[in-house]
Amino acid sequence: MTRLFIAAGLAAVFSTAAAAQAVPVTLTEWKIAINRDTLPAGSVTFRVKNDGTMPHAFHVEGGGLDKETRQIGPHESASLTVTLKPGTYDVYCPLSELSHKQAGMLKKITVVAGAPAAPKKPGQ
């Protein structure tokens, strides 16, 4: 019986990790490109690529959450998986005593209960 509970617990953990929604993010000098500004609540994996010429990072703050990637070198990638609750979050580059954020590497995202918003089409 104990093995059944352990197996059920492990299955829940792995299914939650597998169910994380992937959201691509591209960092360049003084810009964060993300294809949607509204996300569903739950597990989200930000797949962050630095297309810039200097190091950047990706920070998510709001709803009691305060997490970030490691420093990402030019043409490198990193991932950040977080659980988002409904609310408003700031995503930004925290490097250089927040000067990257102040230079424009800041976006607001809204997290809602329910179905995900459709990704933005290029140019929107």
N, C-alpha and C. Protein backbone atom coordinates (compact mmCIF):
# COMPACT_ATOMS: atom_id res chain seq x y z
N MET A 1 0.82 -1.19 0.00
CA MET A 1 0.00 0.00 0.00
C MET A 1 0.87 1.26 0.00
N THR A 2 1.97 1.23 0.80
CA THR A 2 2.87 2.38 0.84
C THR A 2 3.48 2.63 -0.52
N ARG A 3 3.82 1.57 -1.23
CA ARG A 3 4.39 1.73 -2.57
C ARG A 3 3.41 2.39 -3.53
N LEU A 4 2.14 2.09 -3.36
CA LEU A 4 1.12 2.70 -4.21
C LEU A 4 1.09 4.21 -4.00
N PHE A 5 1.15 4.65 -2.73
CA PHE A 5 1.15 6.09 -2.44
C PHE A 5 2.40 6.76 -2.96
N ILE A 6 3.53 6.12 -2.83
CA ILE A 6 4.79 6.68 -3.34
C ILE A 6 4.72 6.79 -4.86
N ALA A 7 4.24 5.76 -5.52
CA ALA A 7 4.12 5.78 -6.98
C ALA A 7 3.16 6.87 -7.43
N ALA A 8 2.04 7.02 -6.72
CA ALA A 8 1.08 8.07 -7.08
C ALA A 8 1.69 9.45 -6.89
N GLY A 9 2.45 9.62 -5.80
CA GLY A 9 3.11 10.91 -5.55
C GLY A 9 4.13 11.24 -6.61
N LEU A 10 4.94 10.26 -7.00
CA LEU A 10 5.93 10.48 -8.05
C LEU A 10 5.25 10.79 -9.38
N ALA A 11 4.18 10.10 -9.69
CA ALA A 11 3.46 10.37 -10.94
C ALA A 11 2.93 11.79 -10.96
N ALA A 12 2.43 12.26 -9.82
CA ALA A 12 1.93 13.64 -9.75
C ALA A 12 3.04 14.64 -9.97
N VAL A 13 4.20 14.40 -9.38
CA VAL A 13 5.34 15.30 -9.55
C VAL A 13 5.77 15.34 -11.00
N PHE A 14 5.93 14.18 -11.62
CA PHE A 14 6.38 14.14 -13.01
C PHE A 14 5.34 14.68 -13.97
N SER A 15 4.07 14.47 -13.72
CA SER A 15 3.05 15.01 -14.63
C SER A 15 2.98 16.52 -14.50
N THR A 16 3.20 17.06 -13.31
CA THR A 16 3.21 18.52 -13.13
C THR A 16 4.39 19.13 -13.88
N ALA A 17 5.57 18.52 -13.77
CA ALA A 17 6.74 19.03 -14.47
C ALA A 17 6.54 18.95 -15.97
N ALA A 18 5.93 17.87 -16.43
CA ALA A 18 5.72 17.69 -17.87
C ALA A 18 4.67 18.67 -18.39
N ALA A 19 3.76 19.12 -17.51
CA ALA A 19 2.68 19.99 -17.93
C ALA A 19 3.07 21.46 -17.95
N ALA A 20 4.29 21.80 -17.59
CA ALA A 20 4.71 23.19 -17.57
C ALA A 20 4.62 23.77 -18.97
N GLN A 21 3.98 24.90 -19.08
CA GLN A 21 3.85 25.58 -20.37
C GLN A 21 5.17 26.27 -20.72
N ALA A 22 5.67 26.04 -21.91
CA ALA A 22 6.92 26.67 -22.36
C ALA A 22 6.62 28.04 -22.98
N VAL A 23 7.35 29.05 -22.53
CA VAL A 23 7.20 30.41 -23.05
C VAL A 23 8.57 30.90 -23.51
N PRO A 24 8.74 31.09 -24.83
CA PRO A 24 10.03 31.59 -25.30
C PRO A 24 10.23 33.07 -24.99
N VAL A 25 11.46 33.41 -24.61
CA VAL A 25 11.83 34.79 -24.30
C VAL A 25 13.17 35.07 -24.98
N THR A 26 13.29 36.22 -25.62
CA THR A 26 14.55 36.61 -26.24
C THR A 26 15.02 37.92 -25.62
N LEU A 27 16.28 37.93 -25.20
CA LEU A 27 16.88 39.13 -24.61
C LEU A 27 17.87 39.72 -25.60
N THR A 28 17.84 41.02 -25.77
CA THR A 28 18.83 41.77 -26.52
C THR A 28 19.09 43.05 -25.73
N GLU A 29 20.02 43.85 -26.21
CA GLU A 29 20.31 45.07 -25.48
C GLU A 29 19.05 45.94 -25.39
N TRP A 30 18.63 46.09 -24.15
CA TRP A 30 17.58 46.97 -23.69
C TRP A 30 16.18 46.55 -24.14
N LYS A 31 16.01 45.24 -24.43
CA LYS A 31 14.69 44.77 -24.85
C LYS A 31 14.48 43.33 -24.39
N ILE A 32 13.25 43.05 -23.97
CA ILE A 32 12.80 41.69 -23.70
C ILE A 32 11.67 41.40 -24.67
N ALA A 33 11.82 40.37 -25.49
CA ALA A 33 10.78 39.97 -26.43
C ALA A 33 10.13 38.69 -25.90
N ILE A 34 8.84 38.77 -25.67
CA ILE A 34 8.06 37.63 -25.19
C ILE A 34 6.79 37.60 -26.03
N ASN A 35 6.38 36.42 -26.51
CA ASN A 35 5.31 36.38 -27.50
C ASN A 35 3.91 36.49 -26.91
N ARG A 36 3.81 36.62 -25.61
CA ARG A 36 2.49 36.84 -25.01
C ARG A 36 2.64 37.60 -23.71
N ASP A 37 1.67 38.44 -23.41
CA ASP A 37 1.74 39.20 -22.18
C ASP A 37 0.69 38.75 -21.17
N THR A 38 -0.11 37.72 -21.56
CA THR A 38 -1.07 37.11 -20.66
C THR A 38 -0.83 35.61 -20.66
N LEU A 39 -0.68 35.05 -19.46
CA LEU A 39 -0.40 33.63 -19.31
C LEU A 39 -1.41 33.00 -18.36
N PRO A 40 -1.66 31.70 -18.50
CA PRO A 40 -2.53 31.03 -17.54
C PRO A 40 -1.77 30.75 -16.25
N ALA A 41 -2.48 30.71 -15.15
CA ALA A 41 -1.87 30.35 -13.87
C ALA A 41 -1.37 28.91 -13.95
N GLY A 42 -0.31 28.63 -13.22
CA GLY A 42 0.24 27.27 -13.18
C GLY A 42 1.72 27.28 -13.47
N SER A 43 2.21 26.11 -13.79
CA SER A 43 3.65 25.94 -14.03
C SER A 43 4.03 26.46 -15.41
N VAL A 44 5.03 27.32 -15.44
CA VAL A 44 5.51 27.93 -16.69
C VAL A 44 7.03 27.79 -16.74
N THR A 45 7.54 27.37 -17.89
CA THR A 45 8.97 27.35 -18.10
C THR A 45 9.32 28.42 -19.11
N PHE A 46 10.03 29.45 -18.66
CA PHE A 46 10.52 30.48 -19.55
C PHE A 46 11.80 29.95 -20.19
N ARG A 47 11.82 29.86 -21.50
CA ARG A 47 13.00 29.41 -22.26
C ARG A 47 13.66 30.68 -22.80
N VAL A 48 14.73 31.09 -22.13
CA VAL A 48 15.33 32.41 -22.35
C VAL A 48 16.58 32.28 -23.21
N LYS A 49 16.62 33.05 -24.30
CA LYS A 49 17.79 33.09 -25.17
C LYS A 49 18.33 34.51 -25.19
N ASN A 50 19.64 34.64 -25.02
CA ASN A 50 20.29 35.94 -25.10
C ASN A 50 20.82 36.12 -26.52
N ASP A 51 20.14 36.94 -27.30
CA ASP A 51 20.60 37.27 -28.66
C ASP A 51 21.40 38.56 -28.67
N GLY A 52 21.75 39.06 -27.50
CA GLY A 52 22.51 40.31 -27.41
C GLY A 52 24.00 40.08 -27.48
N THR A 53 24.73 41.16 -27.25
CA THR A 53 26.19 41.11 -27.30
C THR A 53 26.84 41.19 -25.93
N MET A 54 26.02 41.26 -24.88
CA MET A 54 26.54 41.31 -23.51
C MET A 54 25.71 40.39 -22.63
N PRO A 55 26.20 40.03 -21.45
CA PRO A 55 25.44 39.15 -20.56
C PRO A 55 24.14 39.80 -20.11
N HIS A 56 23.13 38.95 -19.94
CA HIS A 56 21.83 39.36 -19.40
C HIS A 56 21.35 38.24 -18.49
N ALA A 57 20.21 38.46 -17.85
CA ALA A 57 19.53 37.45 -17.05
C ALA A 57 18.04 37.75 -17.14
N PHE A 58 17.22 36.85 -16.61
CA PHE A 58 15.76 37.00 -16.67
C PHE A 58 15.21 36.81 -15.28
N HIS A 59 14.50 37.82 -14.78
CA HIS A 59 13.97 37.83 -13.42
C HIS A 59 12.45 37.93 -13.47
N VAL A 60 11.75 37.15 -12.64
CA VAL A 60 10.29 37.20 -12.53
C VAL A 60 9.95 37.61 -11.11
N GLU A 61 9.14 38.66 -10.98
CA GLU A 61 8.80 39.18 -9.65
C GLU A 61 7.33 39.55 -9.59
N GLY A 62 6.65 39.08 -8.56
CA GLY A 62 5.25 39.40 -8.34
C GLY A 62 4.54 38.23 -7.69
N GLY A 63 3.40 38.50 -7.07
CA GLY A 63 2.62 37.44 -6.45
C GLY A 63 3.38 36.63 -5.43
N GLY A 64 4.35 37.25 -4.75
CA GLY A 64 5.16 36.55 -3.78
C GLY A 64 6.32 35.79 -4.39
N LEU A 65 6.47 35.85 -5.70
CA LEU A 65 7.54 35.15 -6.42
C LEU A 65 8.68 36.13 -6.71
N ASP A 66 9.90 35.65 -6.56
CA ASP A 66 11.09 36.47 -6.81
C ASP A 66 12.21 35.51 -7.24
N LYS A 67 12.23 35.16 -8.54
CA LYS A 67 13.17 34.15 -9.07
C LYS A 67 13.84 34.68 -10.33
N GLU A 68 15.06 34.16 -10.59
CA GLU A 68 15.76 34.57 -11.81
C GLU A 68 16.66 33.46 -12.33
N THR A 69 17.03 33.60 -13.59
CA THR A 69 18.00 32.69 -14.20
C THR A 69 19.39 33.08 -13.74
N ARG A 70 20.32 32.24 -14.07
CA ARG A 70 21.73 32.59 -13.91
C ARG A 70 22.04 33.67 -14.94
N GLN A 71 23.20 34.26 -14.85
CA GLN A 71 23.65 35.19 -15.89
C GLN A 71 23.81 34.40 -17.18
N ILE A 72 23.28 34.94 -18.27
CA ILE A 72 23.29 34.27 -19.58
C ILE A 72 24.21 35.04 -20.51
N GLY A 73 25.25 34.40 -20.98
CA GLY A 73 26.18 35.05 -21.90
C GLY A 73 25.58 35.25 -23.28
N PRO A 74 26.22 36.07 -24.11
CA PRO A 74 25.74 36.28 -25.47
C PRO A 74 25.61 34.95 -26.21
N HIS A 75 24.49 34.79 -26.89
CA HIS A 75 24.18 33.61 -27.71
C HIS A 75 24.07 32.33 -26.89
N GLU A 76 23.79 32.47 -25.59
CA GLU A 76 23.52 31.32 -24.73
C GLU A 76 22.05 31.32 -24.33
N SER A 77 21.61 30.22 -23.74
CA SER A 77 20.22 30.07 -23.31
C SER A 77 20.16 29.54 -21.88
N ALA A 78 19.03 29.76 -21.24
CA ALA A 78 18.76 29.21 -19.91
C ALA A 78 17.25 29.06 -19.78
N SER A 79 16.83 28.26 -18.82
CA SER A 79 15.40 28.07 -18.55
C SER A 79 15.11 28.40 -17.10
N LEU A 80 13.89 28.85 -16.87
CA LEU A 80 13.42 29.15 -15.52
C LEU A 80 11.99 28.63 -15.41
N THR A 81 11.76 27.65 -14.53
CA THR A 81 10.42 27.12 -14.32
C THR A 81 9.90 27.65 -12.99
N VAL A 82 8.70 28.25 -13.05
CA VAL A 82 8.07 28.83 -11.88
C VAL A 82 6.58 28.48 -11.89
N THR A 83 5.97 28.58 -10.74
CA THR A 83 4.52 28.41 -10.65
C THR A 83 3.92 29.79 -10.44
N LEU A 84 3.09 30.20 -11.38
CA LEU A 84 2.50 31.54 -11.35
C LEU A 84 1.06 31.49 -10.87
N LYS A 85 0.71 32.42 -9.98
CA LYS A 85 -0.66 32.58 -9.50
C LYS A 85 -1.27 33.76 -10.27
N PRO A 86 -2.60 33.85 -10.34
CA PRO A 86 -3.20 35.01 -11.00
C PRO A 86 -2.69 36.32 -10.40
N GLY A 87 -2.41 37.27 -11.27
CA GLY A 87 -1.92 38.57 -10.84
C GLY A 87 -1.02 39.19 -11.90
N THR A 88 -0.34 40.25 -11.52
CA THR A 88 0.57 40.96 -12.42
C THR A 88 2.00 40.75 -11.96
N TYR A 89 2.89 40.49 -12.92
CA TYR A 89 4.29 40.21 -12.64
C TYR A 89 5.16 41.13 -13.48
N ASP A 90 6.31 41.50 -12.93
CA ASP A 90 7.34 42.19 -13.69
C ASP A 90 8.37 41.15 -14.10
N VAL A 91 8.76 41.19 -15.37
CA VAL A 91 9.89 40.38 -15.84
C VAL A 91 10.92 41.38 -16.36
N TYR A 92 12.18 41.16 -15.95
CA TYR A 92 13.21 42.14 -16.30
C TYR A 92 14.59 41.53 -16.21
N CYS A 93 15.57 42.28 -16.71
CA CYS A 93 16.97 41.91 -16.57
C CYS A 93 17.50 42.58 -15.31
N PRO A 94 18.00 41.78 -14.34
CA PRO A 94 18.43 42.35 -13.07
C PRO A 94 19.90 42.76 -13.03
N LEU A 95 20.61 42.69 -14.14
CA LEU A 95 22.05 42.92 -14.10
C LEU A 95 22.43 44.39 -13.98
N SER A 96 23.69 44.60 -13.61
CA SER A 96 24.31 45.94 -13.51
C SER A 96 23.52 46.87 -12.60
N GLU A 97 23.24 46.37 -11.39
CA GLU A 97 22.52 47.16 -10.39
C GLU A 97 21.21 47.71 -10.95
N LEU A 98 20.53 46.88 -11.72
CA LEU A 98 19.23 47.16 -12.34
C LEU A 98 19.29 48.20 -13.45
N SER A 99 20.48 48.56 -13.92
CA SER A 99 20.56 49.54 -15.01
C SER A 99 20.00 48.97 -16.31
N HIS A 100 20.06 47.66 -16.51
CA HIS A 100 19.46 47.06 -17.72
C HIS A 100 17.93 47.23 -17.66
N LYS A 101 17.37 47.01 -16.49
CA LYS A 101 15.92 47.21 -16.30
C LYS A 101 15.55 48.66 -16.58
N GLN A 102 16.33 49.58 -16.04
CA GLN A 102 16.06 51.01 -16.22
C GLN A 102 16.23 51.43 -17.67
N ALA A 103 17.06 50.70 -18.43
CA ALA A 103 17.29 51.04 -19.84
C ALA A 103 16.21 50.46 -20.75
N GLY A 104 15.23 49.74 -20.20
CA GLY A 104 14.11 49.26 -21.01
C GLY A 104 13.90 47.77 -21.01
N MET A 105 14.73 47.02 -20.30
CA MET A 105 14.56 45.56 -20.26
C MET A 105 13.56 45.20 -19.16
N LEU A 106 12.31 45.60 -19.36
CA LEU A 106 11.23 45.41 -18.40
C LEU A 106 9.93 45.19 -19.16
N LYS A 107 9.19 44.18 -18.74
CA LYS A 107 7.84 43.92 -19.27
C LYS A 107 6.94 43.56 -18.11
N LYS A 108 5.66 43.79 -18.29
CA LYS A 108 4.65 43.33 -17.34
C LYS A 108 3.89 42.19 -18.02
N ILE A 109 3.65 41.14 -17.24
CA ILE A 109 2.80 40.07 -17.74
C ILE A 109 1.64 39.91 -16.76
N THR A 110 0.52 39.47 -17.29
CA THR A 110 -0.67 39.23 -16.49
C THR A 110 -0.93 37.74 -16.48
N VAL A 111 -1.18 37.20 -15.32
CA VAL A 111 -1.47 35.78 -15.17
C VAL A 111 -2.93 35.66 -14.76
N VAL A 112 -3.66 34.83 -15.51
CA VAL A 112 -5.09 34.66 -15.28
C VAL A 112 -5.41 33.19 -15.01
N ALA A 113 -6.50 32.96 -14.30
CA ALA A 113 -6.98 31.60 -14.11
C ALA A 113 -7.65 31.18 -15.42
N GLY A 114 -7.43 29.94 -15.84
CA GLY A 114 -8.11 29.46 -17.04
C GLY A 114 -7.19 29.25 -18.21
N ALA A 115 -7.77 29.29 -19.41
CA ALA A 115 -7.07 28.96 -20.64
C ALA A 115 -6.02 30.00 -20.98
N PRO A 116 -4.94 29.57 -21.65
CA PRO A 116 -3.88 30.52 -22.04
C PRO A 116 -4.33 31.45 -23.15
N ALA A 117 -3.74 32.62 -23.16
CA ALA A 117 -3.97 33.56 -24.26
C ALA A 117 -3.19 33.08 -25.48
N ALA A 118 -3.69 33.38 -26.64
CA ALA A 118 -2.99 33.00 -27.88
C ALA A 118 -1.71 33.82 -27.99
N PRO A 119 -0.64 33.21 -28.50
CA PRO A 119 0.60 33.96 -28.71
C PRO A 119 0.39 35.11 -29.69
N LYS A 120 1.15 36.17 -29.49
CA LYS A 120 1.11 37.30 -30.41
C LYS A 120 1.75 36.89 -31.73
N LYS A 121 1.23 37.41 -32.81
CA LYS A 121 1.85 37.20 -34.11
C LYS A 121 2.98 38.19 -34.28
N PRO A 122 4.03 37.85 -35.02
CA PRO A 122 5.14 38.79 -35.23
C PRO A 122 4.62 40.14 -35.72
N GLY A 123 5.17 41.21 -35.15
CA GLY A 123 4.79 42.55 -35.55
C GLY A 123 3.65 43.14 -34.73
N GLN A 124 3.08 42.36 -33.79
CA GLN A 124 1.98 42.89 -32.97
C GLN A 124 2.50 43.53 -31.72
